[in-house]
Amino acid sequence: MAQESDVAFLEYVVKALVDAPDDVKINRTVDEMGVLLTLSISPVDMGKVIGRSGNTAKAIRTLLRVVGMKNNARVNLKINEPEGGTRPERSATKSVDEAMEDLKI
């Protein structure tokens, strides 16, 4: 049980944050680099888990490292991006002049 306390911790934290706790899936793999926890959640909950500027995800990763250190393991977290995710494209942003031109009817 001590080895999978990282999964139990991650599951507890994420399920408390999201609106669809039944959609939370965690896959745990171990290799020479350490433990990798892969998190899959509902697309509507991505913002809640990642947080503004990724701060919530960074905090979860930091806490997982602490849990890992307690068990002498290096723990990393990967958050699966759901299919059909709506990450804004950086190149799709317009300049002020282009936006003003669009407003002219």
C-alpha atoms as a PDB file:
ATOM      1  CA  MET A   1       0.000   0.000   0.000  1.00  0.00           C
ATOM      2  CA  ALA A   2       2.880   2.372   0.741  1.00  0.00           C
ATOM      3  CA  GLN A   3       4.007   2.270  -2.882  1.00  0.00           C
ATOM      4  CA  GLU A   4       0.631   3.360  -4.207  1.00  0.00           C
ATOM      5  CA  SER A   5      -0.002   6.091  -1.650  1.00  0.00           C
ATOM      6  CA  ASP A   6       0.894   8.500  -4.462  1.00  0.00           C
ATOM      7  CA  VAL A   7      -2.088   7.259  -6.507  1.00  0.00           C
ATOM      8  CA  ALA A   8      -4.426   7.498  -3.512  1.00  0.00           C
ATOM      9  CA  PHE A   9      -3.201  11.031  -2.778  1.00  0.00           C
ATOM     10  CA  LEU A  10      -3.567  12.206  -6.383  1.00  0.00           C
ATOM     11  CA  GLU A  11      -7.018  10.645  -6.669  1.00  0.00           C
ATOM     12  CA  TYR A  12      -8.166  12.322  -3.446  1.00  0.00           C
ATOM     13  CA  VAL A  13      -6.929  15.784  -4.474  1.00  0.00           C
ATOM     14  CA  VAL A  14      -8.169  15.671  -8.076  1.00  0.00           C
ATOM     15  CA  LYS A  15     -11.600  14.255  -7.221  1.00  0.00           C
ATOM     16  CA  ALA A  16     -12.047  17.084  -4.712  1.00  0.00           C
ATOM     17  CA  LEU A  17     -11.307  19.663  -7.445  1.00  0.00           C
ATOM     18  CA  VAL A  18     -13.387  18.394 -10.379  1.00  0.00           C
ATOM     19  CA  ASP A  19     -17.108  18.374 -11.174  1.00  0.00           C
ATOM     20  CA  ALA A  20     -16.985  14.860 -12.693  1.00  0.00           C
ATOM     21  CA  PRO A  21     -15.056  12.710 -10.167  1.00  0.00           C
ATOM     22  CA  ASP A  22     -16.203   9.491 -11.856  1.00  0.00           C
ATOM     23  CA  ASP A  23     -14.190  10.487 -14.971  1.00  0.00           C
ATOM     24  CA  VAL A  24     -10.892  10.642 -13.043  1.00  0.00           C
ATOM     25  CA  LYS A  25      -8.552   7.873 -14.200  1.00  0.00           C
ATOM     26  CA  ILE A  26      -4.974   7.419 -12.996  1.00  0.00           C
ATOM     27  CA  ASN A  27      -2.422   5.108 -14.600  1.00  0.00           C
ATOM     28  CA  ARG A  28       0.746   4.357 -12.616  1.00  0.00           C
ATOM     29  CA  THR A  29       3.907   3.121 -14.332  1.00  0.00           C
ATOM     30  CA  VAL A  30       7.342   2.556 -12.836  1.00  0.00           C
ATOM     31  CA  ASP A  31      10.630   2.569 -14.759  1.00  0.00           C
ATOM     32  CA  GLU A  32      14.264   3.515 -14.203  1.00  0.00           C
ATOM     33  CA  MET A  33      13.292   7.210 -14.140  1.00  0.00           C
ATOM     34  CA  GLY A  34      10.842   6.705 -11.261  1.00  0.00           C
ATOM     35  CA  VAL A  35       7.069   6.689 -10.998  1.00  0.00           C
ATOM     36  CA  LEU A  36       4.897   8.267 -13.687  1.00  0.00           C
ATOM     37  CA  LEU A  37       1.287   9.008 -12.849  1.00  0.00           C
ATOM     38  CA  THR A  38      -0.811   9.702 -15.931  1.00  0.00           C
ATOM     39  CA  LEU A  39      -4.036  11.557 -15.159  1.00  0.00           C
ATOM     40  CA  SER A  40      -7.085  11.505 -17.423  1.00  0.00           C
ATOM     41  CA  ILE A  41     -10.067  13.698 -16.596  1.00  0.00           C
ATOM     42  CA  SER A  42     -13.174  15.103 -18.219  1.00  0.00           C
ATOM     43  CA  PRO A  43     -12.423  17.901 -20.739  1.00  0.00           C
ATOM     44  CA  VAL A  44     -14.660  20.318 -18.817  1.00  0.00           C
ATOM     45  CA  ASP A  45     -12.493  19.864 -15.698  1.00  0.00           C
ATOM     46  CA  MET A  46      -9.119  20.582 -17.343  1.00  0.00           C
ATOM     47  CA  GLY A  47      -9.126  24.218 -16.236  1.00  0.00           C
ATOM     48  CA  LYS A  48      -9.796  23.292 -12.621  1.00  0.00           C
ATOM     49  CA  VAL A  49      -6.888  20.850 -12.468  1.00  0.00           C
ATOM     50  CA  ILE A  50      -4.404  22.962 -14.419  1.00  0.00           C
ATOM     51  CA  GLY A  51      -5.380  26.291 -12.849  1.00  0.00           C
ATOM     52  CA  ARG A  52      -4.478  29.789 -13.889  1.00  0.00           C
ATOM     53  CA  SER A  53      -1.026  29.774 -15.518  1.00  0.00           C
ATOM     54  CA  GLY A  54      -0.701  26.123 -14.514  1.00  0.00           C
ATOM     55  CA  ASN A  55      -0.384  26.977 -10.831  1.00  0.00           C
ATOM     56  CA  THR A  56      -2.728  24.254  -9.568  1.00  0.00           C
ATOM     57  CA  ALA A  57      -0.941  21.570 -11.619  1.00  0.00           C
ATOM     58  CA  LYS A  58       2.441  22.843 -10.344  1.00  0.00           C
ATOM     59  CA  ALA A  59       1.208  22.646  -6.748  1.00  0.00           C
ATOM     60  CA  ILE A  60      -0.094  19.101  -7.243  1.00  0.00           C
ATOM     61  CA  ARG A  61       3.247  18.074  -8.785  1.00  0.00           C
ATOM     62  CA  THR A  62       5.139  19.586  -5.844  1.00  0.00           C
ATOM     63  CA  LEU A  63       2.985  17.732  -3.323  1.00  0.00           C
ATOM     64  CA  LEU A  64       3.414  14.477  -5.279  1.00  0.00           C
ATOM     65  CA  ARG A  65       7.194  14.914  -5.095  1.00  0.00           C
ATOM     66  CA  VAL A  66       6.900  15.236  -1.309  1.00  0.00           C
ATOM     67  CA  VAL A  67       4.784  12.060  -1.151  1.00  0.00           C
ATOM     68  CA  GLY A  68       7.376  10.356  -3.376  1.00  0.00           C
ATOM     69  CA  MET A  69      10.308  11.475  -1.213  1.00  0.00           C
ATOM     70  CA  LYS A  70       8.576   9.966   1.816  1.00  0.00           C
ATOM     71  CA  ASN A  71       8.555   6.646  -0.065  1.00  0.00           C
ATOM     72  CA  ASN A  72      12.022   7.085  -1.628  1.00  0.00           C
ATOM     73  CA  ALA A  73      10.583   7.418  -5.148  1.00  0.00           C
ATOM     74  CA  ARG A  74      10.693  10.094  -7.821  1.00  0.00           C
ATOM     75  CA  VAL A  75       7.081  10.838  -8.794  1.00  0.00           C
ATOM     76  CA  ASN A  76       6.096  12.725 -11.948  1.00  0.00           C
ATOM     77  CA  LEU A  77       2.636  13.705 -13.151  1.00  0.00           C
ATOM     78  CA  LYS A  78       1.447  13.796 -16.741  1.00  0.00           C
ATOM     79  CA  ILE A  79      -1.990  15.240 -17.462  1.00  0.00           C
ATOM     80  CA  ASN A  80      -3.521  13.776 -20.610  1.00  0.00           C
ATOM     81  CA  GLU A  81      -5.015  16.395 -22.873  1.00  0.00           C
ATOM     82  CA  PRO A  82      -8.504  15.204 -23.815  1.00  0.00           C
ATOM     83  CA  GLU A  83      -9.415  14.718 -27.452  1.00  0.00           C
ATOM     84  CA  GLY A  84     -11.068  17.801 -28.842  1.00  0.00           C
ATOM     85  CA  GLY A  85      -9.293  19.958 -26.291  1.00  0.00           C
ATOM     86  CA  THR A  86      -9.631  23.672 -26.868  1.00  0.00           C
ATOM     87  CA  ARG A  87      -6.121  24.937 -26.256  1.00  0.00           C
ATOM     88  CA  PRO A  88      -5.826  28.339 -27.940  1.00  0.00           C
ATOM     89  CA  GLU A  89      -3.344  28.542 -30.771  1.00  0.00           C
ATOM     90  CA  ARG A  90      -0.632  31.131 -30.207  1.00  0.00           C
ATOM     91  CA  SER A  91      -0.356  31.879 -33.913  1.00  0.00           C
ATOM     92  CA  ALA A  92      -4.102  32.520 -34.174  1.00  0.00           C
ATOM     93  CA  THR A  93      -3.878  35.736 -32.149  1.00  0.00           C
ATOM     94  CA  LYS A  94      -4.381  38.901 -34.122  1.00  0.00           C
ATOM     95  CA  SER A  95      -2.643  42.198 -33.883  1.00  0.00           C
ATOM     96  CA  VAL A  96      -4.602  45.218 -32.716  1.00  0.00           C
ATOM     97  CA  ASP A  97      -4.758  46.521 -36.299  1.00  0.00           C
ATOM     98  CA  GLU A  98      -6.185  43.213 -37.598  1.00  0.00           C
ATOM     99  CA  ALA A  99      -8.782  43.139 -34.835  1.00  0.00           C
ATOM    100  CA  MET A 100      -9.813  46.730 -35.586  1.00  0.00           C
ATOM    101  CA  GLU A 101     -10.092  45.875 -39.278  1.00  0.00           C
ATOM    102  CA  ASP A 102     -12.406  42.974 -38.424  1.00  0.00           C
ATOM    103  CA  LEU A 103     -14.702  45.337 -36.530  1.00  0.00           C
ATOM    104  CA  LYS A 104     -15.290  47.529 -39.594  1.00  0.00           C
ATOM    105  CA  ILE A 105     -18.522  46.492 -41.252  1.00  0.00           C
END
